[in-house]
Each structure stands twice: as structure tokens, then as C-alpha cells.
Amino acid sequence: MSGFYRMMSGRRFAAHEKAESGGQGHNKRTGTGTVSEGQPERQEMRGSTVIGVALRTSVLMILLCGLAYPLVSTGVAQVLFPQQANGSMLRDAEGRVVGSELIGQSFADSAFFQGRVSSVDYNGAGSGSSNYAPSNPALIQRVKDSIADWQKHNPDVPVSQVPVDLITNSGSGLDPHISPQAARVQIPRISGLTGIPQDQLRALVQEQTEGRSAGVFGEPRVNVLKLNLALEAQIKVEPAKR
């Protein structure tokens, strides 16, 4: 009985060894176990596959994000919002571009409405502010200089009536808007220089006043460039004289 058992066990062991040999190919027996000769080839194939997937994914994302998306978004913007997509540029009566409604600029002629003080001299490439603390002597001196400049050009308007946005910097240095009050307080000076009645100028300011965004956000404001273009149309001053 024991001899029969040993014989059957030997057959099962031989069958098991044959199955392992057939499933793995040609193996070499070592003292530590069985080592497959096909593993390095399979690892190399897997490495090549990973590199191929990474390269294809990179090319696909470059085409989608670097080409397709910009083209689609630019095309949609040009169709639906051409004015905003091209910088919200404004033109004078002769069709010449004089600026953007999004960027403030300086007006040298006192016959025009003046915007906010700029720390960067209205340089679009250097947007920013001095960020002086309220206690900084440099800020106090700059405000005093702005007040002195105001009194020089507006002797008939008391300093107490000057809105704060006319003597303080905006955060960007390029704010294109002022408050309606800041526009109205300049009317006596502009009326005296242009001969346009003050009532007519008040109506012009009211016409150019923009309300709160969506009715709730921000404050009423006046775009200085738009206002001056409307004023220019009335006094018929050549753009080069600004």
C-alpha cells in the first residue's frame, strides 16, 4: 500500500513539474528557485509602452490646450464680444483710436475733465501704487501736492468740496473712472475755459454716469475718457490739442 502511495506521489510531482515547465517556457533550475528568462523582455516592453503613452498624452494636451482651446475661445469672443475682446478701444469723431475705456490716461489740457492721481504716471506696463501707510510722511506730502495743484486750477472751488478720489491714488494707478461728484466739481473750471454753460455740462456728466454693476455691485461712476470724448464733440477741439 505504501509503495503504491509513493508511486502516485511521484507521478503527481512529475506532472506538476511538467506543467510549470510548459507554462513558463525554458527555465533553469537554481539553488534558490526558478528564474524566467522572459522577464527582462516583458519589463522592457512595459517601459516602452509607458513612454509611448506619456508622449501621446503630451502631444494631445499640447494640441488641445495650446491650439484648440485658444482658437475656440478667441473665435467665440470675436463673434460674441468683439469690442471687449479687442481691448475695449475708444475712437474719436474721426475714427482714430484714442485709448481704452479700461485704462486711465492723463489729460494735459485743463479744459478737459481730469481723472485720478496715478503713482505710475499712467504707464500701462507698470501698473501699481506706492502703497504708503496712512502715517507715512511721503503720502501726506503727496496729498498736499495734489490739493495745491487742485487749488491752482480750480480757485473758485473750496478744498472742502473736493472728493477724495481726485486727490488719492487708485490701487492700479490706471483707474479709468471717477465718481459723479468728482466730475461735477470740475464743471466751473471747464465751463470757464470752454464757454459751455454749466447746466449743459451737468447734463453731459449725467449722461455719461454709469450705474452699479447688475444694480448692486460697486458705486455709480463716470468713465473719464468717454466723458472727455463727449465734451470734445461739443467744443470741437482737435485731439492733438489735448
C-alpha atoms as a PDB file:
ATOM      1  CA  MET A   1       0.000   0.000   0.000  1.00  0.00           C
ATOM      2  CA  SER A   2       2.836   2.342   0.933  1.00  0.00           C
ATOM      3  CA  GLY A   3       4.646   1.510  -2.315  1.00  0.00           C
ATOM      4  CA  PHE A   4       1.537   2.402  -4.327  1.00  0.00           C
ATOM      5  CA  TYR A   5       1.273   5.703  -2.449  1.00  0.00           C
ATOM      6  CA  ARG A   6       4.910   6.577  -3.194  1.00  0.00           C
ATOM      7  CA  MET A   7       4.373   5.780  -6.872  1.00  0.00           C
ATOM      8  CA  MET A   8       1.301   8.028  -7.140  1.00  0.00           C
ATOM      9  CA  SER A   9       3.063  10.859  -5.314  1.00  0.00           C
ATOM     10  CA  GLY A  10       5.972  10.622  -7.732  1.00  0.00           C
ATOM     11  CA  ARG A  11       3.625  10.840 -10.727  1.00  0.00           C
ATOM     12  CA  ARG A  12       1.876  13.907  -9.304  1.00  0.00           C
ATOM     13  CA  PHE A  13       5.227  15.626  -8.691  1.00  0.00           C
ATOM     14  CA  ALA A  14       6.355  14.867 -12.243  1.00  0.00           C
ATOM     15  CA  ALA A  15       3.083  16.153 -13.685  1.00  0.00           C
ATOM     16  CA  HIS A  16       3.328  19.337 -11.591  1.00  0.00           C
ATOM     17  CA  GLU A  17       6.921  19.954 -12.722  1.00  0.00           C
ATOM     18  CA  LYS A  18       5.930  19.402 -16.354  1.00  0.00           C
ATOM     19  CA  ALA A  19       3.060  21.871 -16.018  1.00  0.00           C
ATOM     20  CA  GLU A  20       5.398  24.504 -14.577  1.00  0.00           C
ATOM     21  CA  SER A  21       7.893  23.859 -17.369  1.00  0.00           C
ATOM     22  CA  GLY A  22       5.196  24.154 -20.073  1.00  0.00           C
ATOM     23  CA  GLY A  23       3.669  27.348 -18.611  1.00  0.00           C
ATOM     24  CA  GLN A  24       6.936  29.216 -18.174  1.00  0.00           C
ATOM     25  CA  GLY A  25       8.974  28.050 -21.187  1.00  0.00           C
ATOM     26  CA  HIS A  26      12.601  27.007 -20.812  1.00  0.00           C
ATOM     27  CA  ASN A  27      13.617  27.522 -17.140  1.00  0.00           C
ATOM     28  CA  LYS A  28      16.880  26.990 -15.400  1.00  0.00           C
ATOM     29  CA  ARG A  29      16.910  25.281 -12.047  1.00  0.00           C
ATOM     30  CA  THR A  30      18.960  27.081  -9.450  1.00  0.00           C
ATOM     31  CA  GLY A  31      19.604  26.587  -5.829  1.00  0.00           C
ATOM     32  CA  THR A  32      17.263  29.413  -4.910  1.00  0.00           C
ATOM     33  CA  GLY A  33      14.337  28.625  -7.194  1.00  0.00           C
ATOM     34  CA  THR A  34      13.201  29.064 -10.794  1.00  0.00           C
ATOM     35  CA  VAL A  35      14.209  32.194 -12.833  1.00  0.00           C
ATOM     36  CA  SER A  36      12.303  33.104 -16.031  1.00  0.00           C
ATOM     37  CA  GLU A  37      14.401  34.259 -18.984  1.00  0.00           C
ATOM     38  CA  GLY A  38      11.400  36.209 -20.481  1.00  0.00           C
ATOM     39  CA  GLN A  39      11.017  38.731 -17.621  1.00  0.00           C
ATOM     40  CA  PRO A  40      13.576  41.330 -18.871  1.00  0.00           C
ATOM     41  CA  GLU A  41      11.893  41.388 -22.289  1.00  0.00           C
ATOM     42  CA  ARG A  42       8.465  41.906 -20.714  1.00  0.00           C
ATOM     43  CA  GLN A  43       9.776  44.707 -18.473  1.00  0.00           C
ATOM     44  CA  GLU A  44      11.356  46.422 -21.474  1.00  0.00           C
ATOM     45  CA  MET A  45       8.067  46.184 -23.364  1.00  0.00           C
ATOM     46  CA  ARG A  46       6.165  47.663 -20.415  1.00  0.00           C
ATOM     47  CA  GLY A  47       8.675  50.546 -20.200  1.00  0.00           C
ATOM     48  CA  SER A  48       8.290  51.276 -23.908  1.00  0.00           C
ATOM     49  CA  THR A  49       4.506  51.255 -23.532  1.00  0.00           C
ATOM     50  CA  VAL A  50       4.598  53.755 -20.644  1.00  0.00           C
ATOM     51  CA  ILE A  51       6.881  56.112 -22.593  1.00  0.00           C
ATOM     52  CA  GLY A  52       4.636  55.856 -25.655  1.00  0.00           C
ATOM     53  CA  VAL A  53       1.511  56.664 -23.615  1.00  0.00           C
ATOM     54  CA  ALA A  54       3.255  59.646 -21.981  1.00  0.00           C
ATOM     55  CA  LEU A  55       4.386  61.046 -25.338  1.00  0.00           C
ATOM     56  CA  ARG A  56       0.950  60.633 -26.934  1.00  0.00           C
ATOM     57  CA  THR A  57      -0.726  62.252 -23.925  1.00  0.00           C
ATOM     58  CA  SER A  58       1.707  65.181 -24.022  1.00  0.00           C
ATOM     59  CA  VAL A  59       1.137  65.789 -27.727  1.00  0.00           C
ATOM     60  CA  LEU A  60      -2.638  65.552 -27.248  1.00  0.00           C
ATOM     61  CA  MET A  61      -2.663  68.049 -24.359  1.00  0.00           C
ATOM     62  CA  ILE A  62      -0.424  70.462 -26.292  1.00  0.00           C
ATOM     63  CA  LEU A  63      -2.822  70.371 -29.231  1.00  0.00           C
ATOM     64  CA  LEU A  64      -5.911  70.734 -27.026  1.00  0.00           C
ATOM     65  CA  CYS A  65      -4.671  73.344 -24.546  1.00  0.00           C
ATOM     66  CA  GLY A  66      -2.154  75.176 -26.706  1.00  0.00           C
ATOM     67  CA  LEU A  67      -4.008  75.260 -30.011  1.00  0.00           C
ATOM     68  CA  ALA A  68      -7.625  74.108 -29.985  1.00  0.00           C
ATOM     69  CA  TYR A  69      -8.777  75.855 -26.792  1.00  0.00           C
ATOM     70  CA  PRO A  70      -7.196  79.262 -27.588  1.00  0.00           C
ATOM     71  CA  LEU A  71      -8.588  79.179 -31.135  1.00  0.00           C
ATOM     72  CA  VAL A  72     -12.093  78.278 -29.968  1.00  0.00           C
ATOM     73  CA  SER A  73     -12.155  80.813 -27.113  1.00  0.00           C
ATOM     74  CA  THR A  74     -10.760  83.564 -29.360  1.00  0.00           C
ATOM     75  CA  GLY A  75     -13.278  82.759 -32.086  1.00  0.00           C
ATOM     76  CA  VAL A  76     -16.209  82.790 -29.655  1.00  0.00           C
ATOM     77  CA  ALA A  77     -15.016  86.086 -28.147  1.00  0.00           C
ATOM     78  CA  GLN A  78     -14.648  87.716 -31.575  1.00  0.00           C
ATOM     79  CA  VAL A  79     -18.166  86.649 -32.533  1.00  0.00           C
ATOM     80  CA  LEU A  80     -19.992  87.416 -29.267  1.00  0.00           C
ATOM     81  CA  PHE A  81     -17.876  90.217 -27.704  1.00  0.00           C
ATOM     82  CA  PRO A  82     -15.697  91.794 -30.422  1.00  0.00           C
ATOM     83  CA  GLN A  83     -15.373  95.163 -28.648  1.00  0.00           C
ATOM     84  CA  GLN A  84     -14.247  93.678 -25.331  1.00  0.00           C
ATOM     85  CA  ALA A  85     -12.079  91.009 -26.976  1.00  0.00           C
ATOM     86  CA  ASN A  86     -10.074  93.696 -28.786  1.00  0.00           C
ATOM     87  CA  GLY A  87      -9.314  95.782 -25.698  1.00  0.00           C
ATOM     88  CA  SER A  88     -12.460  97.962 -25.424  1.00  0.00           C
ATOM     89  CA  MET A  89     -10.810 100.620 -27.563  1.00  0.00           C
ATOM     90  CA  LEU A  90     -12.424 104.039 -27.968  1.00  0.00           C
ATOM     91  CA  ARG A  91     -12.267 106.233 -31.069  1.00  0.00           C
ATOM     92  CA  ASP A  92     -12.716 109.927 -31.640  1.00  0.00           C
ATOM     93  CA  ALA A  93     -15.084 111.547 -34.115  1.00  0.00           C
ATOM     94  CA  GLU A  94     -12.633 110.870 -36.947  1.00  0.00           C
ATOM     95  CA  GLY A  95     -12.354 107.171 -36.144  1.00  0.00           C
ATOM     96  CA  ARG A  96      -8.885 107.291 -34.620  1.00  0.00           C
ATOM     97  CA  VAL A  97      -8.151 105.143 -31.585  1.00  0.00           C
ATOM     98  CA  VAL A  98      -7.548 107.413 -28.577  1.00  0.00           C
ATOM     99  CA  GLY A  99      -7.375 104.846 -25.771  1.00  0.00           C
ATOM    100  CA  SER A 100      -9.148 102.073 -23.950  1.00  0.00           C
ATOM    101  CA  GLU A 101     -12.139 102.527 -21.706  1.00  0.00           C
ATOM    102  CA  LEU A 102     -10.406 100.163 -19.246  1.00  0.00           C
ATOM    103  CA  ILE A 103      -7.218 102.210 -18.747  1.00  0.00           C
ATOM    104  CA  GLY A 104      -6.988 105.717 -17.354  1.00  0.00           C
ATOM    105  CA  GLN A 105      -4.829 108.339 -19.014  1.00  0.00           C
ATOM    106  CA  SER A 106      -3.591 111.852 -18.437  1.00  0.00           C
ATOM    107  CA  PHE A 107      -5.261 114.928 -19.960  1.00  0.00           C
ATOM    108  CA  ALA A 108      -2.846 117.850 -20.084  1.00  0.00           C
ATOM    109  CA  ASP A 109      -5.437 120.430 -21.142  1.00  0.00           C
ATOM    110  CA  SER A 110      -7.319 121.863 -18.155  1.00  0.00           C
ATOM    111  CA  ALA A 111     -10.362 122.291 -20.394  1.00  0.00           C
ATOM    112  CA  PHE A 112     -10.966 118.560 -20.013  1.00  0.00           C
ATOM    113  CA  PHE A 113     -12.079 116.514 -17.041  1.00  0.00           C
ATOM    114  CA  GLN A 114      -9.203 115.121 -15.004  1.00  0.00           C
ATOM    115  CA  GLY A 115      -9.022 111.575 -13.656  1.00  0.00           C
ATOM    116  CA  ARG A 116      -7.463 110.138 -10.535  1.00  0.00           C
ATOM    117  CA  VAL A 117      -3.868 110.653  -9.466  1.00  0.00           C
ATOM    118  CA  SER A 118      -1.515 107.969 -10.791  1.00  0.00           C
ATOM    119  CA  SER A 119       1.624 106.747  -8.986  1.00  0.00           C
ATOM    120  CA  VAL A 120       2.959 105.299 -12.243  1.00  0.00           C
ATOM    121  CA  ASP A 121       2.204 108.307 -14.458  1.00  0.00           C
ATOM    122  CA  TYR A 122      -0.456 106.263 -16.282  1.00  0.00           C
ATOM    123  CA  ASN A 123       2.107 103.761 -17.527  1.00  0.00           C
ATOM    124  CA  GLY A 124       0.131 100.706 -18.608  1.00  0.00           C
ATOM    125  CA  ALA A 125       3.221  98.493 -18.373  1.00  0.00           C
ATOM    126  CA  GLY A 126       3.890  99.482 -14.760  1.00  0.00           C
ATOM    127  CA  SER A 127       0.512  99.279 -13.078  1.00  0.00           C
ATOM    128  CA  GLY A 128       0.647  99.706  -9.319  1.00  0.00           C
ATOM    129  CA  SER A 129       0.593 102.094  -6.409  1.00  0.00           C
ATOM    130  CA  SER A 130       3.038 103.404  -3.826  1.00  0.00           C
ATOM    131  CA  ASN A 131       1.141 101.593  -1.028  1.00  0.00           C
ATOM    132  CA  TYR A 132       2.241 104.161   1.537  1.00  0.00           C
ATOM    133  CA  ALA A 133       0.866 103.714   5.040  1.00  0.00           C
ATOM    134  CA  PRO A 134      -1.564 106.454   6.194  1.00  0.00           C
ATOM    135  CA  SER A 135       1.093 107.690   8.636  1.00  0.00           C
ATOM    136  CA  ASN A 136       3.846 107.849   6.012  1.00  0.00           C
ATOM    137  CA  PRO A 137       5.075 111.439   5.536  1.00  0.00           C
ATOM    138  CA  ALA A 138       5.533 110.763   1.804  1.00  0.00           C
ATOM    139  CA  LEU A 139       1.813 110.034   1.441  1.00  0.00           C
ATOM    140  CA  ILE A 140       0.858 113.141   3.384  1.00  0.00           C
ATOM    141  CA  GLN A 141       3.125 115.279   1.208  1.00  0.00           C
ATOM    142  CA  ARG A 142       1.766 113.745  -1.992  1.00  0.00           C
ATOM    143  CA  VAL A 143      -1.811 114.519  -0.947  1.00  0.00           C
ATOM    144  CA  LYS A 144      -0.800 118.081  -0.089  1.00  0.00           C
ATOM    145  CA  ASP A 145       0.750 118.425  -3.549  1.00  0.00           C
ATOM    146  CA  SER A 146      -2.468 117.166  -5.151  1.00  0.00           C
ATOM    147  CA  ILE A 147      -4.505 119.672  -3.154  1.00  0.00           C
ATOM    148  CA  ALA A 148      -2.163 122.502  -4.150  1.00  0.00           C
ATOM    149  CA  ASP A 149      -2.457 121.507  -7.807  1.00  0.00           C
ATOM    150  CA  TRP A 150      -6.236 121.450  -7.461  1.00  0.00           C
ATOM    151  CA  GLN A 151      -6.330 124.945  -5.952  1.00  0.00           C
ATOM    152  CA  LYS A 152      -4.117 126.212  -8.765  1.00  0.00           C
ATOM    153  CA  HIS A 153      -6.526 125.083 -11.493  1.00  0.00           C
ATOM    154  CA  ASN A 154      -9.809 125.422  -9.578  1.00  0.00           C
ATOM    155  CA  PRO A 155      -9.541 128.591  -7.476  1.00  0.00           C
ATOM    156  CA  ASP A 156     -13.315 129.003  -7.271  1.00  0.00           C
ATOM    157  CA  VAL A 157     -13.966 125.615  -5.647  1.00  0.00           C
ATOM    158  CA  PRO A 158     -13.186 125.219  -1.922  1.00  0.00           C
ATOM    159  CA  VAL A 159     -10.908 122.349  -0.964  1.00  0.00           C
ATOM    160  CA  SER A 160     -13.629 121.088   1.381  1.00  0.00           C
ATOM    161  CA  GLN A 161     -15.741 120.235  -1.676  1.00  0.00           C
ATOM    162  CA  VAL A 162     -13.055 118.162  -3.411  1.00  0.00           C
ATOM    163  CA  PRO A 163     -13.979 114.448  -3.499  1.00  0.00           C
ATOM    164  CA  VAL A 164     -11.314 112.193  -2.065  1.00  0.00           C
ATOM    165  CA  ASP A 165     -10.876 110.243  -5.320  1.00  0.00           C
ATOM    166  CA  LEU A 166      -9.428 113.342  -7.022  1.00  0.00           C
ATOM    167  CA  ILE A 167      -6.512 113.627  -4.587  1.00  0.00           C
ATOM    168  CA  THR A 168      -5.796 109.963  -3.823  1.00  0.00           C
ATOM    169  CA  ASN A 169      -4.239 107.253  -5.960  1.00  0.00           C
ATOM    170  CA  SER A 170      -6.106 104.248  -7.236  1.00  0.00           C
ATOM    171  CA  GLY A 171      -4.694 100.817  -6.425  1.00  0.00           C
ATOM    172  CA  SER A 172      -3.685 100.202 -10.036  1.00  0.00           C
ATOM    173  CA  GLY A 173      -2.671 103.736 -10.950  1.00  0.00           C
ATOM    174  CA  LEU A 174      -4.793 103.268 -14.075  1.00  0.00           C
ATOM    175  CA  ASP A 175      -8.353 103.665 -12.809  1.00  0.00           C
ATOM    176  CA  PRO A 176     -10.401 104.988 -15.760  1.00  0.00           C
ATOM    177  CA  HIS A 177     -13.314 106.160 -13.592  1.00  0.00           C
ATOM    178  CA  ILE A 178     -14.094 108.918 -11.139  1.00  0.00           C
ATOM    179  CA  SER A 179     -17.197 109.473  -9.055  1.00  0.00           C
ATOM    180  CA  PRO A 180     -20.020 111.625 -10.475  1.00  0.00           C
ATOM    181  CA  GLN A 181     -19.288 114.187  -7.746  1.00  0.00           C
ATOM    182  CA  ALA A 182     -15.628 114.325  -8.836  1.00  0.00           C
ATOM    183  CA  ALA A 183     -16.807 115.137 -12.352  1.00  0.00           C
ATOM    184  CA  ARG A 184     -19.381 117.728 -11.273  1.00  0.00           C
ATOM    185  CA  VAL A 185     -16.910 119.618  -9.073  1.00  0.00           C
ATOM    186  CA  GLN A 186     -14.761 120.301 -12.173  1.00  0.00           C
ATOM    187  CA  ILE A 187     -17.641 121.876 -14.105  1.00  0.00           C
ATOM    188  CA  PRO A 188     -16.950 125.527 -13.081  1.00  0.00           C
ATOM    189  CA  ARG A 189     -13.368 125.313 -14.406  1.00  0.00           C
ATOM    190  CA  ILE A 190     -14.353 123.619 -17.656  1.00  0.00           C
ATOM    191  CA  SER A 191     -17.251 125.998 -18.218  1.00  0.00           C
ATOM    192  CA  GLY A 192     -14.946 128.999 -17.808  1.00  0.00           C
ATOM    193  CA  LEU A 193     -12.376 127.577 -20.250  1.00  0.00           C
ATOM    194  CA  THR A 194     -14.774 126.322 -22.914  1.00  0.00           C
ATOM    195  CA  GLY A 195     -17.690 128.702 -22.642  1.00  0.00           C
ATOM    196  CA  ILE A 196     -20.139 125.797 -22.341  1.00  0.00           C
ATOM    197  CA  PRO A 197     -22.929 126.568 -19.824  1.00  0.00           C
ATOM    198  CA  GLN A 198     -22.666 124.704 -16.539  1.00  0.00           C
ATOM    199  CA  ASP A 199     -26.161 123.249 -16.907  1.00  0.00           C
ATOM    200  CA  GLN A 200     -25.130 121.727 -20.222  1.00  0.00           C
ATOM    201  CA  LEU A 201     -22.024 120.220 -18.623  1.00  0.00           C
ATOM    202  CA  ARG A 202     -24.061 118.785 -15.750  1.00  0.00           C
ATOM    203  CA  ALA A 203     -26.344 117.130 -18.266  1.00  0.00           C
ATOM    204  CA  LEU A 204     -23.281 115.730 -20.035  1.00  0.00           C
ATOM    205  CA  VAL A 205     -21.949 114.255 -16.783  1.00  0.00           C
ATOM    206  CA  GLN A 206     -25.324 112.754 -16.000  1.00  0.00           C
ATOM    207  CA  GLU A 207     -25.485 111.229 -19.463  1.00  0.00           C
ATOM    208  CA  GLN A 208     -22.074 109.586 -19.000  1.00  0.00           C
ATOM    209  CA  THR A 209     -22.728 108.319 -15.463  1.00  0.00           C
ATOM    210  CA  GLU A 210     -22.743 104.528 -15.186  1.00  0.00           C
ATOM    211  CA  GLY A 211     -24.834 102.844 -12.504  1.00  0.00           C
ATOM    212  CA  ARG A 212     -23.900  99.978 -10.215  1.00  0.00           C
ATOM    213  CA  SER A 213     -22.960  96.731 -11.943  1.00  0.00           C
ATOM    214  CA  ALA A 214     -26.015  94.447 -12.027  1.00  0.00           C
ATOM    215  CA  GLY A 215     -27.725  97.104  -9.929  1.00  0.00           C
ATOM    216  CA  VAL A 216     -25.937  96.130  -6.702  1.00  0.00           C
ATOM    217  CA  PHE A 217     -22.159  95.953  -7.197  1.00  0.00           C
ATOM    218  CA  GLY A 218     -19.850  98.952  -6.911  1.00  0.00           C
ATOM    219  CA  GLU A 219     -20.824 102.614  -6.994  1.00  0.00           C
ATOM    220  CA  PRO A 220     -22.043 104.998  -9.705  1.00  0.00           C
ATOM    221  CA  ARG A 221     -19.067 106.155 -11.763  1.00  0.00           C
ATOM    222  CA  VAL A 222     -18.022 108.156 -14.802  1.00  0.00           C
ATOM    223  CA  ASN A 223     -15.504 106.978 -17.388  1.00  0.00           C
ATOM    224  CA  VAL A 224     -13.208 109.983 -17.837  1.00  0.00           C
ATOM    225  CA  LEU A 225     -12.145 109.172 -21.395  1.00  0.00           C
ATOM    226  CA  LYS A 226     -15.735 108.684 -22.562  1.00  0.00           C
ATOM    227  CA  LEU A 227     -16.752 111.902 -20.843  1.00  0.00           C
ATOM    228  CA  ASN A 228     -13.941 113.862 -22.493  1.00  0.00           C
ATOM    229  CA  LEU A 229     -14.774 112.432 -25.912  1.00  0.00           C
ATOM    230  CA  ALA A 230     -18.349 113.634 -25.447  1.00  0.00           C
ATOM    231  CA  LEU A 231     -17.029 117.011 -24.289  1.00  0.00           C
ATOM    232  CA  GLU A 232     -14.666 117.208 -27.247  1.00  0.00           C
ATOM    233  CA  ALA A 233     -17.564 116.654 -29.606  1.00  0.00           C
ATOM    234  CA  GLN A 234     -19.228 119.727 -28.130  1.00  0.00           C
ATOM    235  CA  ILE A 235     -16.277 122.092 -28.058  1.00  0.00           C
ATOM    236  CA  LYS A 236     -14.786 120.649 -31.267  1.00  0.00           C
ATOM    237  CA  VAL A 237     -11.191 120.653 -30.037  1.00  0.00           C
ATOM    238  CA  GLU A 238      -8.642 118.832 -32.180  1.00  0.00           C
ATOM    239  CA  PRO A 239      -7.424 115.619 -30.438  1.00  0.00           C
ATOM    240  CA  ALA A 240      -3.802 116.780 -30.822  1.00  0.00           C
ATOM    241  CA  LYS A 241      -4.512 119.739 -28.528  1.00  0.00           C
ATOM    242  CA  ARG A 242      -5.356 117.542 -25.558  1.00  0.00           C
END
